[in-house]
C-alpha atoms as a PDB file:
ATOM      1  CA  MET A   1     -42.694  -8.066  50.450  1.00  0.00           C
ATOM      2  CA  PHE A   2     -41.793  -5.834  53.089  1.00  0.00           C
ATOM      3  CA  CYS A   3     -43.282  -3.194  55.658  1.00  0.00           C
ATOM      4  CA  THR A   4     -42.965   0.679  54.173  1.00  0.00           C
ATOM      5  CA  LYS A   5     -42.480   1.524  57.651  1.00  0.00           C
ATOM      6  CA  CYS A   6     -40.521  -0.503  59.443  1.00  0.00           C
ATOM      7  CA  GLY A   7     -38.902  -2.508  56.611  1.00  0.00           C
ATOM      8  CA  ASN A   8     -39.917  -5.914  58.508  1.00  0.00           C
ATOM      9  CA  GLU A   9     -40.307  -8.787  55.694  1.00  0.00           C
ATOM     10  CA  LEU A  10     -44.152  -9.755  55.036  1.00  0.00           C
ATOM     11  CA  ASP A  11     -45.978 -12.350  53.454  1.00  0.00           C
ATOM     12  CA  ASN A  12     -47.618 -11.486  50.480  1.00  0.00           C
ATOM     13  CA  ASP A  13     -51.047 -12.332  51.530  1.00  0.00           C
ATOM     14  CA  ALA A  14     -50.589 -10.189  55.131  1.00  0.00           C
ATOM     15  CA  LEU A  15     -52.541  -6.629  55.522  1.00  0.00           C
ATOM     16  CA  PHE A  16     -50.707  -5.732  58.432  1.00  0.00           C
ATOM     17  CA  CYS A  17     -47.289  -5.674  59.766  1.00  0.00           C
ATOM     18  CA  THR A  18     -46.291  -8.494  62.288  1.00  0.00           C
ATOM     19  CA  SER A  19     -43.640  -5.875  63.938  1.00  0.00           C
ATOM     20  CA  CYS A  20     -45.095  -2.560  63.738  1.00  0.00           C
ATOM     21  CA  GLY A  21     -48.708  -2.911  63.499  1.00  0.00           C
ATOM     22  CA  ASN A  22     -48.845  -0.816  60.179  1.00  0.00           C
ATOM     23  CA  LYS A  23     -51.208  -1.650  57.725  1.00  0.00           C
ATOM     24  CA  VAL A  24     -50.678  -2.625  53.864  1.00  0.00           C
ATOM     25  CA  LYS A  25     -51.630  -0.186  51.767  1.00  0.00           C
ATOM     26  CA  LYS A  26     -54.495  -1.124  49.836  1.00  0.00           C
ATOM     27  CA  GLU A  27     -52.874   0.007  46.420  1.00  0.00           C
ATOM     28  CA  GLU A  28     -50.227  -2.864  47.173  1.00  0.00           C
ATOM     29  CA  ALA A  29     -53.120  -5.344  47.994  1.00  0.00           C
ATOM     30  CA  GLU A  30     -54.823  -4.639  44.635  1.00  0.00           C
ATOM     31  CA  GLU A  31     -51.502  -4.836  42.697  1.00  0.00           C
ATOM     32  CA  ARG A  32     -50.813  -8.404  44.187  1.00  0.00           C
ATOM     33  CA  GLY A  33     -53.957  -9.293  43.593  1.00  0.00           C
ATOM     34  CA  GLN A  34     -54.447  -7.924  39.952  1.00  0.00           C
ATOM     35  CA  ALA A  35     -51.086 -10.143  39.394  1.00  0.00           C
ATOM     36  CA  SER A  36     -52.514 -13.196  40.638  1.00  0.00           C
ATOM     37  CA  GLU A  37     -55.559 -12.334  38.255  1.00  0.00           C
ATOM     38  CA  ASN A  38     -53.812 -11.925  35.082  1.00  0.00           C
ATOM     39  CA  THR A  39     -51.579 -15.394  36.019  1.00  0.00           C
ATOM     40  CA  ILE A  40     -55.233 -16.934  36.004  1.00  0.00           C
ATOM     41  CA  ASN A  41     -56.439 -15.381  33.270  1.00  0.00           C
ATOM     42  CA  VAL A  42     -53.047 -16.171  31.137  1.00  0.00           C
ATOM     43  CA  SER A  43     -53.306 -20.022  32.462  1.00  0.00           C
ATOM     44  CA  ILE A  44     -56.934 -20.132  31.450  1.00  0.00           C
ATOM     45  CA  SER A  45     -55.895 -18.185  27.772  1.00  0.00           C
ATOM     46  CA  SER A  46     -53.114 -21.391  27.397  1.00  0.00           C
ATOM     47  CA  GLU A  47     -55.819 -23.888  28.254  1.00  0.00           C
ATOM     48  CA  LYS A  48     -57.943 -22.988  25.618  1.00  0.00           C
ATOM     49  CA  ALA A  49     -55.273 -22.450  23.264  1.00  0.00           C
ATOM     50  CA  LYS A  50     -54.445 -26.139  23.990  1.00  0.00           C
ATOM     51  CA  GLY A  51     -57.768 -27.135  23.710  1.00  0.00           C
ATOM     52  CA  PHE A  52     -58.434 -25.763  20.493  1.00  0.00           C
ATOM     53  CA  PHE A  53     -55.700 -27.225  18.979  1.00  0.00           C
ATOM     54  CA  LYS A  54     -56.673 -30.727  20.518  1.00  0.00           C
ATOM     55  CA  THR A  55     -59.847 -30.151  19.086  1.00  0.00           C
ATOM     56  CA  ILE A  56     -58.929 -29.378  15.320  1.00  0.00           C
ATOM     57  CA  PHE A  57     -56.517 -32.453  15.525  1.00  0.00           C
ATOM     58  CA  LYS A  58     -59.524 -35.068  16.902  1.00  0.00           C
ATOM     59  CA  VAL A  59     -61.198 -33.276  14.033  1.00  0.00           C
ATOM     60  CA  LEU A  60     -59.045 -34.210  10.988  1.00  0.00           C
ATOM     61  CA  LYS A  61     -58.408 -37.694  13.125  1.00  0.00           C
ATOM     62  CA  SER A  62     -61.687 -38.503  12.684  1.00  0.00           C
ATOM     63  CA  PRO A  63     -63.562 -37.099   9.636  1.00  0.00           C
ATOM     64  CA  THR A  64     -66.609 -38.813   9.883  1.00  0.00           C
ATOM     65  CA  SER A  65     -67.499 -37.775  13.102  1.00  0.00           C
ATOM     66  CA  TYR A  66     -66.027 -34.026  12.838  1.00  0.00           C
ATOM     67  CA  VAL A  67     -69.455 -31.981  13.136  1.00  0.00           C
ATOM     68  CA  HIS A  68     -70.051 -33.618  16.564  1.00  0.00           C
ATOM     69  CA  VAL A  69     -66.316 -33.620  18.095  1.00  0.00           C
ATOM     70  CA  LEU A  70     -66.935 -29.702  17.215  1.00  0.00           C
ATOM     71  CA  GLU A  71     -69.998 -29.415  18.434  1.00  0.00           C
ATOM     72  CA  GLU A  72     -69.178 -30.421  21.870  1.00  0.00           C
ATOM     73  CA  ASN A  73     -65.521 -28.448  22.093  1.00  0.00           C
ATOM     74  CA  LEU A  74     -66.307 -25.192  20.129  1.00  0.00           C
ATOM     75  CA  ASN A  75     -69.015 -23.235  19.773  1.00  0.00           C
ATOM     76  CA  SER A  76     -70.463 -21.851  16.668  1.00  0.00           C
ATOM     77  CA  LYS A  77     -68.436 -18.590  17.292  1.00  0.00           C
ATOM     78  CA  ASN A  78     -64.946 -20.231  16.960  1.00  0.00           C
ATOM     79  CA  ASN A  79     -66.167 -22.411  13.926  1.00  0.00           C
ATOM     80  CA  LEU A  80     -67.313 -19.219  12.224  1.00  0.00           C
ATOM     81  CA  ILE A  81     -64.167 -17.501  13.015  1.00  0.00           C
ATOM     82  CA  LEU A  82     -61.751 -20.789  11.795  1.00  0.00           C
ATOM     83  CA  VAL A  83     -63.839 -20.732   8.487  1.00  0.00           C
ATOM     84  CA  ILE A  84     -63.491 -17.017   8.114  1.00  0.00           C
ATOM     85  CA  ILE A  85     -59.520 -17.088   8.098  1.00  0.00           C
ATOM     86  CA  SER A  86     -59.009 -20.256   6.317  1.00  0.00           C
ATOM     87  CA  LEU A  87     -61.090 -18.623   3.140  1.00  0.00           C
ATOM     88  CA  LEU A  88     -58.581 -15.895   3.515  1.00  0.00           C
ATOM     89  CA  LEU A  89     -55.592 -17.507   3.669  1.00  0.00           C
ATOM     90  CA  ILE A  90     -56.592 -19.859   0.512  1.00  0.00           C
ATOM     91  CA  PRO A  91     -56.594 -16.925  -1.651  1.00  0.00           C
ATOM     92  CA  ILE A  92     -53.019 -15.885  -0.318  1.00  0.00           C
ATOM     93  CA  ILE A  93     -51.525 -19.296  -0.485  1.00  0.00           C
ATOM     94  CA  ASN A  94     -52.569 -19.437  -4.370  1.00  0.00           C
ATOM     95  CA  ILE A  95     -51.806 -15.696  -5.595  1.00  0.00           C
ATOM     96  CA  ILE A  96     -47.520 -16.719  -3.511  1.00  0.00           C
ATOM     97  CA  SER A  97     -47.973 -19.971  -4.957  1.00  0.00           C
ATOM     98  CA  LEU A  98     -49.034 -18.877  -8.544  1.00  0.00           C
ATOM     99  CA  LYS A  99     -46.431 -16.132  -8.661  1.00  0.00           C
ATOM    100  CA  THR A 100     -43.955 -18.614  -7.719  1.00  0.00           C
ATOM    101  CA  VAL A 101     -44.558 -21.371  -9.970  1.00  0.00           C
ATOM    102  CA  ILE A 102     -45.332 -19.164 -12.867  1.00  0.00           C
ATOM    103  CA  SER A 103     -41.908 -17.109 -12.150  1.00  0.00           C
ATOM    104  CA  ASN A 104     -39.793 -20.701 -12.154  1.00  0.00           C
ATOM    105  CA  ILE A 105     -41.187 -22.033 -15.086  1.00  0.00           C
ATOM    106  CA  LEU A 106     -40.164 -18.395 -16.581  1.00  0.00           C
ATOM    107  CA  ILE A 107     -36.571 -18.566 -15.603  1.00  0.00           C
ATOM    108  CA  SER A 108     -36.215 -22.069 -16.329  1.00  0.00           C
ATOM    109  CA  PHE A 109     -37.017 -21.717 -19.965  1.00  0.00           C
ATOM    110  CA  GLY A 110     -34.566 -18.444 -19.849  1.00  0.00           C
ATOM    111  CA  GLN A 111     -31.597 -20.832 -18.601  1.00  0.00           C
ATOM    112  CA  LEU A 112     -32.190 -23.277 -21.343  1.00  0.00           C
ATOM    113  CA  GLY A 113     -32.336 -20.619 -24.021  1.00  0.00           C
ATOM    114  CA  SER A 114     -28.965 -19.168 -22.208  1.00  0.00           C
ATOM    115  CA  ILE A 115     -27.604 -22.765 -22.551  1.00  0.00           C
ATOM    116  CA  LEU A 116     -28.372 -23.264 -25.890  1.00  0.00           C
ATOM    117  CA  GLU A 117     -26.490 -20.112 -26.414  1.00  0.00           C
ATOM    118  CA  GLY A 118     -23.503 -21.178 -24.914  1.00  0.00           C
ATOM    119  CA  ARG A 119     -23.974 -18.852 -21.730  1.00  0.00           C
ATOM    120  CA  ALA A 120     -25.460 -19.097 -18.189  1.00  0.00           C
ATOM    121  CA  ILE A 121     -27.826 -17.054 -15.987  1.00  0.00           C
ATOM    122  CA  SER A 122     -26.381 -15.359 -12.833  1.00  0.00           C
ATOM    123  CA  HIS A 123     -28.301 -15.612  -9.418  1.00  0.00           C
ATOM    124  CA  LEU A 124     -28.305 -11.831  -9.770  1.00  0.00           C
ATOM    125  CA  ASP A 125     -29.919 -12.021 -13.233  1.00  0.00           C
ATOM    126  CA  SER A 126     -32.245 -14.345 -11.836  1.00  0.00           C
ATOM    127  CA  LEU A 127     -33.662 -12.424  -8.822  1.00  0.00           C
ATOM    128  CA  THR A 128     -33.561  -8.931 -11.318  1.00  0.00           C
ATOM    129  CA  PHE A 129     -36.145 -11.114 -13.725  1.00  0.00           C
ATOM    130  CA  LYS A 130     -38.115 -12.398 -11.008  1.00  0.00           C
ATOM    131  CA  LYS A 131     -38.627  -8.425 -10.042  1.00  0.00           C
ATOM    132  CA  GLU A 132     -39.243  -7.608 -13.322  1.00  0.00           C
ATOM    133  CA  PHE A 133     -41.826 -10.872 -13.337  1.00  0.00           C
ATOM    134  CA  GLU A 134     -43.580  -9.530 -10.389  1.00  0.00           C
ATOM    135  CA  VAL A 135     -44.063  -6.036 -11.994  1.00  0.00           C
ATOM    136  CA  MET A 136     -45.228  -7.024 -15.197  1.00  0.00           C
ATOM    137  CA  PHE A 137     -47.766  -9.682 -13.640  1.00  0.00           C
ATOM    138  CA  ASP A 138     -49.419  -7.065 -11.295  1.00  0.00           C
ATOM    139  CA  ALA A 139     -49.685  -4.828 -14.087  1.00  0.00           C
ATOM    140  CA  VAL A 140     -51.721  -7.626 -15.500  1.00  0.00           C
ATOM    141  CA  ALA A 141     -52.846  -9.330 -13.235  1.00  0.00           C
ATOM    142  CA  PRO A 142     -53.162  -7.075  -9.692  1.00  0.00           C
ATOM    143  CA  THR A 143     -52.902  -8.953  -6.776  1.00  0.00           C
ATOM    144  CA  GLY A 144     -56.124  -7.727  -4.947  1.00  0.00           C
ATOM    145  CA  LYS A 145     -58.328  -8.627  -8.148  1.00  0.00           C
ATOM    146  CA  ILE A 146     -56.588 -11.907  -7.833  1.00  0.00           C
ATOM    147  CA  PHE A 147     -56.987 -12.371  -4.536  1.00  0.00           C
ATOM    148  CA  MET A 148     -60.745 -11.079  -4.986  1.00  0.00           C
ATOM    149  CA  PHE A 149     -61.063 -13.796  -7.479  1.00  0.00           C
ATOM    150  CA  ASN A 150     -60.493 -16.494  -5.221  1.00  0.00           C
ATOM    151  CA  ILE A 151     -62.806 -15.197  -2.464  1.00  0.00           C
ATOM    152  CA  ILE A 152     -65.526 -14.792  -4.515  1.00  0.00           C
ATOM    153  CA  PHE A 153     -65.029 -18.374  -5.895  1.00  0.00           C
ATOM    154  CA  TYR A 154     -64.786 -20.139  -2.991  1.00  0.00           C
ATOM    155  CA  ILE A 155     -67.663 -18.414  -1.307  1.00  0.00           C
ATOM    156  CA  LEU A 156     -69.879 -18.475  -4.233  1.00  0.00           C
ATOM    157  CA  LEU A 157     -69.233 -22.509  -4.291  1.00  0.00           C
ATOM    158  CA  PHE A 158     -69.939 -23.461  -0.861  1.00  0.00           C
ATOM    159  CA  ALA A 159     -72.884 -20.848  -1.165  1.00  0.00           C
ATOM    160  CA  ILE A 160     -74.221 -22.727  -3.851  1.00  0.00           C
ATOM    161  CA  ILE A 161     -73.864 -25.978  -2.511  1.00  0.00           C
ATOM    162  CA  SER A 162     -74.582 -25.644   1.106  1.00  0.00           C
ATOM    163  CA  GLY A 163     -78.176 -23.470  -0.120  1.00  0.00           C
ATOM    164  CA  ILE A 164     -79.195 -26.541  -2.162  1.00  0.00           C
ATOM    165  CA  VAL A 165     -78.575 -29.264   0.687  1.00  0.00           C
ATOM    166  CA  PHE A 166     -79.377 -26.870   3.457  1.00  0.00           C
ATOM    167  CA  ILE A 167     -82.648 -26.392   1.226  1.00  0.00           C
ATOM    168  CA  GLY A 168     -83.295 -29.841   0.731  1.00  0.00           C
ATOM    169  CA  ILE A 169     -82.823 -31.002   4.332  1.00  0.00           C
ATOM    170  CA  LYS A 170     -85.061 -28.752   5.472  1.00  0.00           C
ATOM    171  CA  THR A 171     -87.889 -29.316   3.420  1.00  0.00           C
ATOM    172  CA  SER A 172     -87.729 -33.012   4.575  1.00  0.00           C
ATOM    173  CA  GLY A 173     -88.328 -31.928   8.164  1.00  0.00           C
ATOM    174  CA  ASN A 174     -84.913 -32.213   9.356  1.00  0.00           C
ATOM    175  CA  ASN A 175     -83.909 -29.384  11.616  1.00  0.00           C
ATOM    176  CA  LEU A 176     -80.580 -27.477  10.099  1.00  0.00           C
ATOM    177  CA  THR A 177     -79.500 -24.284  11.881  1.00  0.00           C
ATOM    178  CA  PHE A 178     -76.709 -21.690  10.453  1.00  0.00           C
ATOM    179  CA  GLU A 179     -74.546 -22.766  13.155  1.00  0.00           C
ATOM    180  CA  ASN A 180     -74.766 -26.926  12.238  1.00  0.00           C
ATOM    181  CA  LEU A 181     -74.129 -25.285   8.918  1.00  0.00           C
ATOM    182  CA  ILE A 182     -71.048 -23.767   9.780  1.00  0.00           C
ATOM    183  CA  ARG A 183     -69.714 -26.462  11.649  1.00  0.00           C
ATOM    184  CA  VAL A 184     -70.266 -28.978   8.291  1.00  0.00           C
ATOM    185  CA  LEU A 185     -68.166 -26.671   6.718  1.00  0.00           C
ATOM    186  CA  THR A 186     -65.392 -26.280   8.909  1.00  0.00           C
ATOM    187  CA  LEU A 187     -63.352 -29.626   8.224  1.00  0.00           C
ATOM    188  CA  PRO A 188     -64.385 -29.003   4.713  1.00  0.00           C
ATOM    189  CA  VAL A 189     -62.647 -25.680   4.224  1.00  0.00           C
ATOM    190  CA  LEU A 190     -59.390 -26.780   6.575  1.00  0.00           C
ATOM    191  CA  ILE A 191     -58.642 -29.330   3.842  1.00  0.00           C
ATOM    192  CA  LEU A 192     -58.961 -26.782   0.833  1.00  0.00           C
ATOM    193  CA  LEU A 193     -56.349 -25.010   3.006  1.00  0.00           C
ATOM    194  CA  LEU A 194     -54.638 -28.027   3.194  1.00  0.00           C
ATOM    195  CA  SER A 195     -54.462 -28.561  -0.456  1.00  0.00           C
ATOM    196  CA  SER A 196     -53.486 -25.233  -1.102  1.00  0.00           C
ATOM    197  CA  ILE A 197     -50.435 -25.368   1.116  1.00  0.00           C
ATOM    198  CA  LEU A 198     -49.070 -28.800  -0.191  1.00  0.00           C
ATOM    199  CA  SER A 199     -49.861 -28.752  -3.856  1.00  0.00           C
ATOM    200  CA  PRO A 200     -47.650 -26.131  -4.487  1.00  0.00           C
ATOM    201  CA  LEU A 201     -44.801 -27.512  -2.460  1.00  0.00           C
ATOM    202  CA  THR A 202     -45.255 -31.083  -3.928  1.00  0.00           C
ATOM    203  CA  LEU A 203     -44.302 -29.588  -7.506  1.00  0.00           C
ATOM    204  CA  SER A 204     -40.772 -29.687  -6.291  1.00  0.00           C
ATOM    205  CA  VAL A 205     -40.923 -33.600  -6.528  1.00  0.00           C
ATOM    206  CA  THR A 206     -43.055 -33.538  -9.624  1.00  0.00           C
ATOM    207  CA  ILE A 207     -45.915 -32.233 -11.826  1.00  0.00           C
ATOM    208  CA  THR A 208     -47.645 -35.408 -11.794  1.00  0.00           C
ATOM    209  CA  PHE A 209     -47.079 -36.067  -7.928  1.00  0.00           C
ATOM    210  CA  SER A 210     -48.438 -32.407  -7.162  1.00  0.00           C
ATOM    211  CA  LEU A 211     -51.682 -33.499  -9.246  1.00  0.00           C
ATOM    212  CA  ILE A 212     -52.617 -36.757  -7.624  1.00  0.00           C
ATOM    213  CA  VAL A 213     -51.835 -34.726  -3.577  1.00  0.00           C
ATOM    214  CA  SER A 214     -54.194 -32.328  -5.463  1.00  0.00           C
ATOM    215  CA  LEU A 215     -56.939 -34.623  -6.305  1.00  0.00           C
ATOM    216  CA  VAL A 216     -56.727 -36.846  -3.160  1.00  0.00           C
ATOM    217  CA  LEU A 217     -57.405 -34.118  -0.981  1.00  0.00           C
ATOM    218  CA  ASN A 218     -60.264 -32.562  -3.343  1.00  0.00           C
ATOM    219  CA  GLY A 219     -61.574 -35.978  -3.315  1.00  0.00           C
ATOM    220  CA  ILE A 220     -61.205 -35.670   0.799  1.00  0.00           C
ATOM    221  CA  PHE A 221     -62.805 -32.735   0.734  1.00  0.00           C
ATOM    222  CA  ILE A 222     -66.074 -34.002  -1.432  1.00  0.00           C
ATOM    223  CA  VAL A 223     -66.697 -36.915   1.047  1.00  0.00           C
ATOM    224  CA  THR A 224     -65.843 -34.835   3.998  1.00  0.00           C
ATOM    225  CA  LEU A 225     -68.403 -32.079   3.081  1.00  0.00           C
ATOM    226  CA  TYR A 226     -71.197 -35.043   2.407  1.00  0.00           C
ATOM    227  CA  ASN A 227     -70.388 -36.819   5.882  1.00  0.00           C
ATOM    228  CA  GLY A 228     -71.280 -33.457   7.305  1.00  0.00           C
ATOM    229  CA  PHE A 229     -74.181 -32.998   6.004  1.00  0.00           C
ATOM    230  CA  LYS A 230     -75.192 -36.773   6.680  1.00  0.00           C
ATOM    231  CA  SER A 231     -74.190 -36.840  10.043  1.00  0.00           C
ATOM    232  CA  LEU A 232     -76.937 -33.686  10.347  1.00  0.00           C
ATOM    233  CA  ALA A 233     -79.715 -35.916   8.519  1.00  0.00           C
ATOM    234  CA  PRO A 234     -78.830 -39.389   8.896  1.00  0.00           C
ATOM    235  CA  ASN A 235     -82.309 -40.601   7.781  1.00  0.00           C
ATOM    236  CA  PHE A 236     -82.853 -38.456   4.651  1.00  0.00           C
ATOM    237  CA  GLU A 237     -82.316 -40.909   1.911  1.00  0.00           C
ATOM    238  CA  LEU A 238     -82.217 -38.158  -0.943  1.00  0.00           C
ATOM    239  CA  LEU A 239     -79.417 -36.420   0.560  1.00  0.00           C
ATOM    240  CA  PRO A 240     -76.701 -38.619  -1.636  1.00  0.00           C
ATOM    241  CA  TYR A 241     -78.758 -37.330  -5.039  1.00  0.00           C
ATOM    242  CA  ILE A 242     -79.472 -33.655  -3.749  1.00  0.00           C
ATOM    243  CA  TYR A 243     -75.625 -33.659  -2.727  1.00  0.00           C
ATOM    244  CA  SER A 244     -74.147 -35.133  -6.164  1.00  0.00           C
ATOM    245  CA  ILE A 245     -76.878 -32.451  -8.173  1.00  0.00           C
ATOM    246  CA  ALA A 246     -75.879 -29.425  -5.463  1.00  0.00           C
ATOM    247  CA  PHE A 247     -71.340 -30.365  -6.249  1.00  0.00           C
ATOM    248  CA  VAL A 248     -72.286 -30.484 -10.353  1.00  0.00           C
ATOM    249  CA  VAL A 249     -74.163 -26.876 -10.257  1.00  0.00           C
ATOM    250  CA  GLY A 250     -72.334 -25.291  -7.708  1.00  0.00           C
ATOM    251  CA  PHE A 251     -69.055 -25.961  -9.631  1.00  0.00           C
ATOM    252  CA  LEU A 252     -70.255 -25.414 -13.046  1.00  0.00           C
ATOM    253  CA  LEU A 253     -71.727 -21.812 -11.869  1.00  0.00           C
ATOM    254  CA  THR A 254     -68.831 -21.103 -10.084  1.00  0.00           C
ATOM    255  CA  TYR A 255     -66.554 -21.797 -12.974  1.00  0.00           C
ATOM    256  CA  TYR A 256     -68.816 -20.049 -15.137  1.00  0.00           C
ATOM    257  CA  ILE A 257     -69.295 -16.548 -12.698  1.00  0.00           C
ATOM    258  CA  SER A 258     -65.854 -16.303 -12.506  1.00  0.00           C
ATOM    259  CA  PHE A 259     -64.445 -16.986 -15.566  1.00  0.00           C
ATOM    260  CA  LYS A 260     -66.684 -14.549 -16.852  1.00  0.00           C
ATOM    261  CA  MET A 261     -65.571 -11.950 -14.271  1.00  0.00           C
ATOM    262  CA  LEU A 262     -61.984 -13.015 -15.148  1.00  0.00           C
ATOM    263  CA  LEU A 263     -62.458 -12.522 -18.843  1.00  0.00           C
ATOM    264  CA  SER A 264     -63.881  -9.206 -19.116  1.00  0.00           C
ATOM    265  CA  ASP A 265     -61.428  -7.807 -16.369  1.00  0.00           C
ATOM    266  CA  LEU A 266     -58.480  -9.441 -19.081  1.00  0.00           C
ATOM    267  CA  ILE A 267     -60.019  -7.273 -21.699  1.00  0.00           C
ATOM    268  CA  ALA A 268     -60.510  -4.063 -20.041  1.00  0.00           C
ATOM    269  CA  THR A 269     -57.046  -4.553 -18.847  1.00  0.00           C
ATOM    270  CA  PHE A 270     -55.710  -5.406 -22.156  1.00  0.00           C
ATOM    271  CA  THR A 271     -57.857  -2.114 -23.908  1.00  0.00           C
ATOM    272  CA  LYS A 272     -56.102  -0.299 -21.304  1.00  0.00           C
ATOM    273  CA  PHE A 273     -52.603  -1.041 -22.625  1.00  0.00           C
ATOM    274  CA  MET A 274     -53.398  -1.408 -26.367  1.00  0.00           C
END
């Protein structure tokens, strides 16, 4: 920094010029202070981000005690945001995967038919077919509707399971708050997100391998969700039975409601075309 009157070089924290005694402008001092404050804020934000990802790594590393890890490291607001973002990402990934898988299957059948006829499908033909398929797919099953069906499915599933277990734990005299419930759901939702990512990726290996990966992750999801509730009510002996009932009821009701909505929507769509 330099004096605005005589040009003498000054220290960054100087209030007066050591050569001519000119007072350093208040605005300059404030700008320096603000710059310093911004640097501190950036540093704090960076540390928070690092701490957040470290916490997620700890949670994935130790799923049996993940509720306590989240309670110690993340507040209820962060857990809620994490659950909401994951629940929004799962349908998006499912839609992309569904479109990709179906279009690839149809292209494979088309290529097989062309080979039998003695001709080959060019790369340009494949791209054209994909675009035509996306237009047709959106006409029959719009992306927005599929997204809403996915969201409703997962919200219903978690709401029914959590609601039944929540009531069971509360009636047993154990204390269970909404913040605790969100912490219990955080890791299972992340596992479902991981499953939605890995399942379509593993299809490139074999369908069998993809199904195995999906089944394993869903099994981990079930066990992890149970461990989360168990950590909040360790002395509740009826928890395994209530959780099992909640899971069966949750899946049956969710699939029934989702299938009914989907079927009625498909009938309405086909009626328009006819």
